[in-house]
């Protein structure tokens, strides 16, 4: 029984270590594990073709410069909140409860109302649950690049 317990202990330790390396952001007191989309290919694919995303997860899109952004839901199967942040990581625009779209290039855009550098996509309803207001600050965990 001892070896089995040791194996579980090692497995849990490795699992915890792997989880510690997962990039995260914090917004309005809520922490989300995030996938990073840092280049054109990653940003273009985004959350396409996924059937679900855990409640405490999201995707953070990092743009090279702060400018007006517009996202769409092409081939996206889950409804999302699309949150736009400036260089200072302040929330400047929100698109809440954006529905999935299977219309290909006919899917409508969801623009930011102000220039943005970072875009955080969460499951639809998260912004409402947090009572999120423009001006909220997005905190980055270790390993997420900030504006230069």
N, C-alpha and C. Protein backbone atom coordinates (compact mmCIF):
# COMPACT_ATOMS: atom_id res chain seq x y z
N UNK A 1 0.82 -1.19 0.00
CA UNK A 1 0.00 0.00 0.00
C UNK A 1 0.86 1.25 0.00
N UNK A 2 1.98 1.22 0.61
CA UNK A 2 2.90 2.36 0.65
C UNK A 2 3.26 2.85 -0.75
N UNK A 3 3.69 1.95 -1.70
CA UNK A 3 4.05 2.42 -3.03
C UNK A 3 2.89 3.12 -3.73
N UNK A 4 1.69 2.61 -3.54
CA UNK A 4 0.51 3.21 -4.16
C UNK A 4 0.31 4.63 -3.64
N UNK A 5 0.42 4.78 -2.33
CA UNK A 5 0.28 6.10 -1.71
C UNK A 5 1.35 7.06 -2.23
N UNK A 6 2.59 6.57 -2.34
CA UNK A 6 3.67 7.40 -2.87
C UNK A 6 3.38 7.82 -4.29
N UNK A 7 2.87 6.89 -5.09
CA UNK A 7 2.54 7.22 -6.47
C UNK A 7 1.49 8.31 -6.52
N UNK A 8 0.46 8.20 -5.70
CA UNK A 8 -0.59 9.23 -5.67
C UNK A 8 -0.02 10.57 -5.23
N UNK A 9 0.84 10.53 -4.24
CA UNK A 9 1.46 11.76 -3.75
C UNK A 9 2.29 12.42 -4.84
N UNK A 10 3.09 11.62 -5.55
CA UNK A 10 3.90 12.16 -6.65
C UNK A 10 2.99 12.67 -7.76
N UNK A 11 1.96 11.93 -8.11
CA UNK A 11 1.04 12.35 -9.17
C UNK A 11 0.36 13.66 -8.81
N UNK A 12 -0.09 13.78 -7.57
CA UNK A 12 -0.74 15.02 -7.15
C UNK A 12 0.25 16.18 -7.16
N UNK A 13 1.47 15.92 -6.73
CA UNK A 13 2.49 16.97 -6.74
C UNK A 13 2.78 17.42 -8.16
N UNK A 14 2.93 16.47 -9.08
CA UNK A 14 3.17 16.83 -10.48
C UNK A 14 1.99 17.59 -11.06
N UNK A 15 0.80 17.15 -10.72
CA UNK A 15 -0.40 17.82 -11.21
C UNK A 15 -0.45 19.25 -10.68
N UNK A 16 -0.17 19.43 -9.40
CA UNK A 16 -0.19 20.76 -8.82
C UNK A 16 0.88 21.64 -9.46
N UNK A 17 2.05 21.04 -9.71
CA UNK A 17 3.12 21.81 -10.35
C UNK A 17 2.71 22.23 -11.75
N UNK A 18 2.07 21.34 -12.49
CA UNK A 18 1.63 21.68 -13.85
C UNK A 18 0.60 22.80 -13.79
N UNK A 19 -0.32 22.71 -12.82
CA UNK A 19 -1.34 23.74 -12.69
C UNK A 19 -0.75 25.09 -12.35
N UNK A 20 0.35 25.09 -11.58
CA UNK A 20 0.99 26.34 -11.19
C UNK A 20 1.58 27.06 -12.40
N UNK A 21 1.90 26.32 -13.44
CA UNK A 21 2.48 26.92 -14.64
C UNK A 21 1.43 27.45 -15.60
N UNK A 22 0.18 27.13 -15.38
CA UNK A 22 -0.91 27.59 -16.25
C UNK A 22 -1.02 29.10 -16.11
N UNK A 23 -0.92 29.85 -17.21
CA UNK A 23 -1.10 31.30 -17.11
C UNK A 23 -2.49 31.63 -16.53
N UNK A 24 -2.56 32.72 -15.81
CA UNK A 24 -3.83 33.13 -15.24
C UNK A 24 -3.95 34.66 -15.24
N UNK A 25 -5.20 35.10 -15.19
CA UNK A 25 -5.51 36.51 -15.01
C UNK A 25 -6.51 36.60 -13.87
N UNK A 26 -6.57 37.79 -13.29
CA UNK A 26 -7.54 38.03 -12.22
C UNK A 26 -8.33 39.28 -12.58
N UNK A 27 -9.64 39.18 -12.42
CA UNK A 27 -10.53 40.28 -12.76
C UNK A 27 -11.65 40.33 -11.73
N UNK A 28 -11.82 41.48 -11.11
CA UNK A 28 -12.88 41.67 -10.12
C UNK A 28 -12.87 40.58 -9.06
N UNK A 29 -11.66 40.18 -8.63
CA UNK A 29 -11.53 39.19 -7.59
C UNK A 29 -11.70 37.74 -8.04
N UNK A 30 -11.87 37.51 -9.32
CA UNK A 30 -12.01 36.16 -9.86
C UNK A 30 -10.78 35.81 -10.68
N UNK A 31 -10.26 34.62 -10.45
CA UNK A 31 -9.08 34.16 -11.19
C UNK A 31 -9.52 33.19 -12.28
N UNK A 32 -8.94 33.39 -13.48
CA UNK A 32 -9.23 32.53 -14.63
C UNK A 32 -7.93 31.98 -15.20
N UNK A 33 -7.87 30.67 -15.38
CA UNK A 33 -6.76 30.06 -16.13
C UNK A 33 -6.98 30.45 -17.58
N UNK A 34 -5.93 30.91 -18.26
CA UNK A 34 -6.11 31.38 -19.64
C UNK A 34 -5.14 30.72 -20.60
N UNK A 35 -5.63 30.52 -21.79
CA UNK A 35 -4.78 30.19 -22.93
C UNK A 35 -4.39 31.53 -23.53
N UNK A 36 -3.18 31.62 -24.04
CA UNK A 36 -2.70 32.86 -24.63
C UNK A 36 -2.73 32.78 -26.15
N UNK A 37 -3.21 33.84 -26.78
CA UNK A 37 -3.18 33.98 -28.23
C UNK A 37 -2.32 35.22 -28.50
N UNK A 38 -1.05 34.97 -28.86
CA UNK A 38 -0.09 36.07 -28.98
C UNK A 38 0.30 36.42 -30.40
N UNK A 39 -0.04 35.56 -31.36
CA UNK A 39 0.33 35.87 -32.74
C UNK A 39 -0.91 35.78 -33.64
N UNK A 40 -0.76 36.18 -34.89
CA UNK A 40 -1.91 36.22 -35.80
C UNK A 40 -2.63 34.89 -35.93
N UNK A 41 -1.87 33.81 -36.05
CA UNK A 41 -2.48 32.49 -36.22
C UNK A 41 -3.29 32.08 -34.99
N UNK A 42 -2.72 32.30 -33.80
CA UNK A 42 -3.43 31.95 -32.56
C UNK A 42 -4.65 32.83 -32.37
N UNK A 43 -4.52 34.13 -32.71
CA UNK A 43 -5.67 35.04 -32.57
C UNK A 43 -6.76 34.68 -33.56
N UNK A 44 -6.40 34.27 -34.77
CA UNK A 44 -7.39 33.92 -35.78
C UNK A 44 -8.19 32.67 -35.37
N UNK A 45 -7.53 31.70 -34.79
CA UNK A 45 -8.20 30.46 -34.39
C UNK A 45 -9.03 30.66 -33.13
N UNK A 46 -8.49 31.37 -32.16
CA UNK A 46 -9.23 31.65 -30.94
C UNK A 46 -9.87 30.41 -30.34
N UNK A 47 -11.15 30.51 -30.03
CA UNK A 47 -11.89 29.41 -29.41
C UNK A 47 -12.78 28.68 -30.41
N UNK A 48 -12.42 28.75 -31.68
CA UNK A 48 -13.21 28.06 -32.72
C UNK A 48 -13.30 26.56 -32.45
N UNK A 49 -14.44 26.00 -32.83
CA UNK A 49 -14.68 24.55 -32.86
C UNK A 49 -14.71 23.88 -31.49
N UNK A 50 -14.72 24.62 -30.43
CA UNK A 50 -14.78 24.01 -29.09
C UNK A 50 -16.23 23.87 -28.66
N UNK A 51 -16.51 22.76 -28.01
CA UNK A 51 -17.87 22.50 -27.56
C UNK A 51 -18.15 23.09 -26.18
N UNK A 52 -17.11 23.34 -25.40
CA UNK A 52 -17.29 23.85 -24.04
C UNK A 52 -15.97 24.42 -23.54
N UNK A 53 -16.07 25.21 -22.46
CA UNK A 53 -14.89 25.74 -21.78
C UNK A 53 -15.23 25.76 -20.29
N UNK A 54 -14.33 25.28 -19.43
CA UNK A 54 -14.62 25.33 -17.99
C UNK A 54 -14.93 26.76 -17.53
N UNK A 55 -15.77 26.88 -16.53
CA UNK A 55 -16.21 28.19 -16.04
C UNK A 55 -15.06 29.07 -15.61
N UNK A 56 -14.01 28.49 -15.05
CA UNK A 56 -12.90 29.29 -14.53
C UNK A 56 -11.76 29.42 -15.54
N UNK A 57 -12.07 29.27 -16.82
CA UNK A 57 -11.08 29.38 -17.89
C UNK A 57 -11.47 30.47 -18.89
N UNK A 58 -10.50 30.89 -19.68
CA UNK A 58 -10.74 31.86 -20.73
C UNK A 58 -9.59 31.87 -21.71
N UNK A 59 -9.66 32.79 -22.66
CA UNK A 59 -8.57 32.98 -23.60
C UNK A 59 -8.21 34.46 -23.61
N UNK A 60 -6.91 34.74 -23.48
CA UNK A 60 -6.41 36.11 -23.50
C UNK A 60 -5.69 36.34 -24.82
N UNK A 61 -6.17 37.31 -25.58
CA UNK A 61 -5.57 37.70 -26.85
C UNK A 61 -4.69 38.91 -26.59
N UNK A 62 -3.45 38.82 -27.03
CA UNK A 62 -2.49 39.90 -26.82
C UNK A 62 -2.12 40.48 -28.18
N UNK A 63 -2.44 41.76 -28.37
CA UNK A 63 -2.14 42.44 -29.63
C UNK A 63 -0.84 43.21 -29.51
N UNK A 64 -0.19 43.45 -30.64
CA UNK A 64 1.08 44.16 -30.65
C UNK A 64 0.95 45.63 -30.27
N UNK A 65 -0.18 46.23 -30.64
CA UNK A 65 -0.41 47.64 -30.35
C UNK A 65 -1.84 47.85 -29.87
N UNK A 66 -2.04 48.95 -29.16
CA UNK A 66 -3.38 49.34 -28.73
C UNK A 66 -4.05 50.04 -29.90
N UNK A 67 -5.19 49.53 -30.32
CA UNK A 67 -5.97 50.14 -31.41
C UNK A 67 -7.39 49.59 -31.34
N UNK A 68 -8.33 50.17 -32.08
CA UNK A 68 -9.69 49.60 -32.09
C UNK A 68 -9.63 48.13 -32.52
N UNK A 69 -10.36 47.29 -31.83
CA UNK A 69 -10.40 45.86 -32.13
C UNK A 69 -11.83 45.47 -32.45
N UNK A 70 -11.99 44.41 -33.20
CA UNK A 70 -13.31 43.84 -33.46
C UNK A 70 -13.13 42.33 -33.55
N UNK A 71 -13.94 41.61 -32.80
CA UNK A 71 -13.90 40.16 -32.80
C UNK A 71 -15.21 39.63 -33.35
N UNK A 72 -15.15 38.42 -33.88
CA UNK A 72 -16.36 37.78 -34.36
C UNK A 72 -16.39 36.36 -33.85
N UNK A 73 -17.50 35.69 -34.10
CA UNK A 73 -17.72 34.36 -33.53
C UNK A 73 -17.70 33.27 -34.61
N UNK A 74 -17.00 33.52 -35.69
CA UNK A 74 -16.93 32.54 -36.78
C UNK A 74 -16.50 31.17 -36.23
N UNK A 75 -17.31 30.15 -36.52
CA UNK A 75 -17.05 28.77 -36.11
C UNK A 75 -16.91 28.59 -34.60
N UNK A 76 -17.45 29.53 -33.84
CA UNK A 76 -17.40 29.42 -32.38
C UNK A 76 -18.72 28.83 -31.91
N UNK A 77 -18.63 27.78 -31.11
CA UNK A 77 -19.82 27.02 -30.70
C UNK A 77 -20.35 27.39 -29.32
N UNK A 78 -19.60 28.19 -28.56
CA UNK A 78 -20.03 28.53 -27.20
C UNK A 78 -20.24 30.04 -27.09
N UNK A 79 -21.30 30.48 -26.39
CA UNK A 79 -21.50 31.92 -26.20
C UNK A 79 -20.42 32.49 -25.28
N UNK A 80 -20.02 33.72 -25.57
CA UNK A 80 -18.89 34.31 -24.84
C UNK A 80 -19.18 35.74 -24.40
N UNK A 81 -18.44 36.18 -23.40
CA UNK A 81 -18.29 37.59 -23.07
C UNK A 81 -16.94 37.99 -23.65
N UNK A 82 -16.91 39.07 -24.43
CA UNK A 82 -15.68 39.56 -25.04
C UNK A 82 -15.34 40.88 -24.36
N UNK A 83 -14.21 40.92 -23.66
CA UNK A 83 -13.82 42.06 -22.83
C UNK A 83 -12.55 42.69 -23.37
N UNK A 84 -12.59 43.98 -23.61
CA UNK A 84 -11.47 44.71 -24.23
C UNK A 84 -10.77 45.59 -23.19
N UNK A 85 -9.42 45.48 -23.15
CA UNK A 85 -8.60 46.21 -22.18
C UNK A 85 -7.52 47.02 -22.90
N UNK A 86 -7.20 48.20 -22.35
CA UNK A 86 -6.17 49.05 -22.95
C UNK A 86 -4.77 48.66 -22.46
N UNK A 87 -3.77 49.45 -22.84
CA UNK A 87 -2.38 49.18 -22.43
C UNK A 87 -2.21 49.08 -20.92
N UNK A 88 -2.99 49.86 -20.18
CA UNK A 88 -2.92 49.86 -18.71
C UNK A 88 -3.74 48.72 -18.11
N UNK A 89 -4.30 47.88 -18.97
CA UNK A 89 -5.14 46.74 -18.59
C UNK A 89 -6.44 47.16 -17.91
N UNK A 90 -6.93 48.35 -18.29
CA UNK A 90 -8.24 48.80 -17.81
C UNK A 90 -9.30 48.42 -18.83
N UNK A 91 -10.44 47.94 -18.34
CA UNK A 91 -11.54 47.54 -19.19
C UNK A 91 -12.12 48.77 -19.89
N UNK A 92 -12.10 48.75 -21.23
CA UNK A 92 -12.58 49.90 -21.99
C UNK A 92 -13.85 49.59 -22.78
N UNK A 93 -14.19 48.31 -22.92
CA UNK A 93 -15.37 47.94 -23.70
C UNK A 93 -15.76 46.51 -23.38
N UNK A 94 -17.06 46.24 -23.45
CA UNK A 94 -17.58 44.89 -23.18
C UNK A 94 -18.60 44.50 -24.23
N UNK A 95 -18.51 43.30 -24.68
CA UNK A 95 -19.55 42.69 -25.51
C UNK A 95 -19.99 41.44 -24.76
N UNK A 96 -21.16 41.51 -24.16
CA UNK A 96 -21.63 40.42 -23.30
C UNK A 96 -22.58 39.48 -24.04
N UNK A 97 -22.56 38.22 -23.62
CA UNK A 97 -23.49 37.21 -24.12
C UNK A 97 -23.51 37.14 -25.64
N UNK A 98 -22.34 37.13 -26.24
CA UNK A 98 -22.23 37.06 -27.70
C UNK A 98 -22.55 35.63 -28.12
N UNK A 99 -23.54 35.46 -29.02
CA UNK A 99 -23.96 34.11 -29.38
C UNK A 99 -23.01 33.42 -30.35
N UNK A 100 -23.02 32.09 -30.36
CA UNK A 100 -22.22 31.33 -31.33
C UNK A 100 -22.66 31.71 -32.75
N UNK A 101 -21.79 31.45 -33.72
CA UNK A 101 -22.13 31.76 -35.11
C UNK A 101 -21.57 30.68 -36.03
N UNK A 102 -22.45 30.17 -36.89
CA UNK A 102 -22.04 29.14 -37.86
C UNK A 102 -22.21 29.66 -39.29
N UNK A 103 -22.25 30.98 -39.45
CA UNK A 103 -22.47 31.59 -40.77
C UNK A 103 -21.17 31.88 -41.52
N UNK A 104 -20.05 31.39 -41.01
CA UNK A 104 -18.76 31.61 -41.68
C UNK A 104 -18.43 33.08 -41.75
N UNK A 105 -18.09 33.55 -42.94
CA UNK A 105 -17.68 34.94 -43.11
C UNK A 105 -18.84 35.93 -42.97
N UNK A 106 -20.07 35.44 -42.83
CA UNK A 106 -21.22 36.31 -42.63
C UNK A 106 -21.49 36.59 -41.15
N UNK A 107 -20.67 36.05 -40.26
CA UNK A 107 -20.83 36.33 -38.83
C UNK A 107 -20.54 37.80 -38.57
N UNK A 108 -21.37 38.45 -37.72
CA UNK A 108 -21.16 39.89 -37.46
C UNK A 108 -19.96 40.15 -36.56
N UNK A 109 -19.35 41.33 -36.69
CA UNK A 109 -18.25 41.71 -35.78
C UNK A 109 -18.80 42.30 -34.49
N UNK A 110 -18.02 42.20 -33.44
CA UNK A 110 -18.34 42.78 -32.13
C UNK A 110 -17.17 43.68 -31.75
N UNK A 111 -17.27 44.98 -32.08
CA UNK A 111 -16.12 45.89 -31.91
C UNK A 111 -15.97 46.43 -30.48
N UNK A 112 -14.75 46.88 -30.22
CA UNK A 112 -14.49 47.60 -28.97
C UNK A 112 -14.97 49.04 -29.18
N UNK A 113 -15.36 49.68 -28.10
CA UNK A 113 -15.80 51.08 -28.18
C UNK A 113 -14.63 52.05 -28.00
N UNK A 114 -13.44 51.50 -27.78
CA UNK A 114 -12.23 52.30 -27.57
C UNK A 114 -11.03 51.44 -27.96
N UNK A 115 -9.89 52.07 -28.20
CA UNK A 115 -8.70 51.28 -28.53
C UNK A 115 -8.37 50.28 -27.41
N UNK A 116 -7.95 49.07 -27.81
CA UNK A 116 -7.64 48.01 -26.85
C UNK A 116 -6.37 47.29 -27.26
N UNK A 117 -5.69 46.73 -26.28
CA UNK A 117 -4.48 45.94 -26.52
C UNK A 117 -4.69 44.48 -26.17
N UNK A 118 -5.51 44.25 -25.15
CA UNK A 118 -5.78 42.90 -24.66
C UNK A 118 -7.27 42.61 -24.78
N UNK A 119 -7.59 41.37 -25.14
CA UNK A 119 -8.98 40.95 -25.22
C UNK A 119 -9.10 39.64 -24.46
N UNK A 120 -10.04 39.62 -23.53
CA UNK A 120 -10.28 38.43 -22.72
C UNK A 120 -11.65 37.86 -23.09
N UNK A 121 -11.65 36.60 -23.50
CA UNK A 121 -12.91 35.91 -23.77
C UNK A 121 -13.19 34.93 -22.64
N UNK A 122 -14.38 35.09 -22.06
CA UNK A 122 -14.86 34.22 -21.00
C UNK A 122 -16.20 33.63 -21.41
N UNK A 123 -16.64 32.60 -20.71
CA UNK A 123 -17.97 32.07 -20.97
C UNK A 123 -19.00 33.17 -20.76
N UNK A 124 -20.01 33.19 -21.60
CA UNK A 124 -21.09 34.18 -21.47
C UNK A 124 -21.68 34.12 -20.06
N UNK A 125 -21.96 35.29 -19.52
CA UNK A 125 -22.54 35.40 -18.20
C UNK A 125 -21.54 35.71 -17.10
N UNK A 126 -20.24 35.54 -17.38
CA UNK A 126 -19.23 35.82 -16.36
C UNK A 126 -19.18 37.31 -16.01
N UNK A 127 -19.25 38.18 -17.03
CA UNK A 127 -19.20 39.63 -16.78
C UNK A 127 -20.39 40.05 -15.92
N UNK A 128 -21.55 39.52 -16.21
CA UNK A 128 -22.75 39.84 -15.41
C UNK A 128 -22.59 39.32 -13.99
N UNK A 129 -22.09 38.10 -13.84
CA UNK A 129 -21.92 37.52 -12.50
C UNK A 129 -20.97 38.36 -11.66
N UNK A 130 -19.95 38.96 -12.29
CA UNK A 130 -18.99 39.81 -11.57
C UNK A 130 -19.48 41.24 -11.42
N UNK A 131 -20.60 41.57 -12.06
CA UNK A 131 -21.09 42.96 -12.09
C UNK A 131 -19.99 43.87 -12.62
N UNK A 132 -19.36 43.42 -13.70
CA UNK A 132 -18.18 44.08 -14.26
C UNK A 132 -18.53 45.45 -14.84
N UNK A 133 -17.71 46.43 -14.50
CA UNK A 133 -17.89 47.80 -15.01
C UNK A 133 -16.63 48.23 -15.74
N UNK A 134 -16.81 49.08 -16.76
CA UNK A 134 -15.65 49.63 -17.47
C UNK A 134 -14.74 50.31 -16.44
N UNK A 135 -13.44 50.19 -16.66
CA UNK A 135 -12.46 50.73 -15.73
C UNK A 135 -11.88 49.66 -14.82
N UNK A 136 -12.52 48.48 -14.76
CA UNK A 136 -11.97 47.38 -13.96
C UNK A 136 -10.59 47.04 -14.49
N UNK A 137 -9.68 46.65 -13.61
CA UNK A 137 -8.30 46.37 -13.99
C UNK A 137 -8.07 44.87 -14.05
N UNK A 138 -7.43 44.44 -15.13
CA UNK A 138 -7.07 43.05 -15.35
C UNK A 138 -5.67 42.82 -14.79
N UNK A 139 -5.53 41.89 -13.85
CA UNK A 139 -4.24 41.57 -13.27
C UNK A 139 -3.69 40.33 -13.97
N UNK A 140 -2.41 40.39 -14.33
CA UNK A 140 -1.75 39.27 -15.00
C UNK A 140 -0.97 38.45 -13.99
N UNK A 141 -1.05 37.13 -14.14
CA UNK A 141 -0.18 36.24 -13.38
C UNK A 141 1.18 36.18 -14.05
N UNK A 142 2.12 35.43 -13.46
CA UNK A 142 3.46 35.30 -14.02
C UNK A 142 3.44 34.74 -15.44
N UNK A 143 4.35 35.24 -16.27
CA UNK A 143 4.51 34.70 -17.61
C UNK A 143 3.65 35.31 -18.69
N UNK A 144 2.81 36.26 -18.33
CA UNK A 144 2.00 36.91 -19.37
C UNK A 144 2.68 38.24 -19.72
N UNK A 145 3.02 38.42 -20.99
CA UNK A 145 3.72 39.67 -21.38
C UNK A 145 2.82 40.89 -21.28
N UNK A 146 3.38 41.98 -20.78
CA UNK A 146 2.66 43.26 -20.65
C UNK A 146 3.04 44.20 -21.78
N UNK A 147 2.29 45.29 -21.89
CA UNK A 147 2.57 46.31 -22.90
C UNK A 147 3.97 46.86 -22.69
N UNK A 148 4.63 47.16 -23.78
CA UNK A 148 5.98 47.72 -23.72
C UNK A 148 5.95 49.22 -23.57
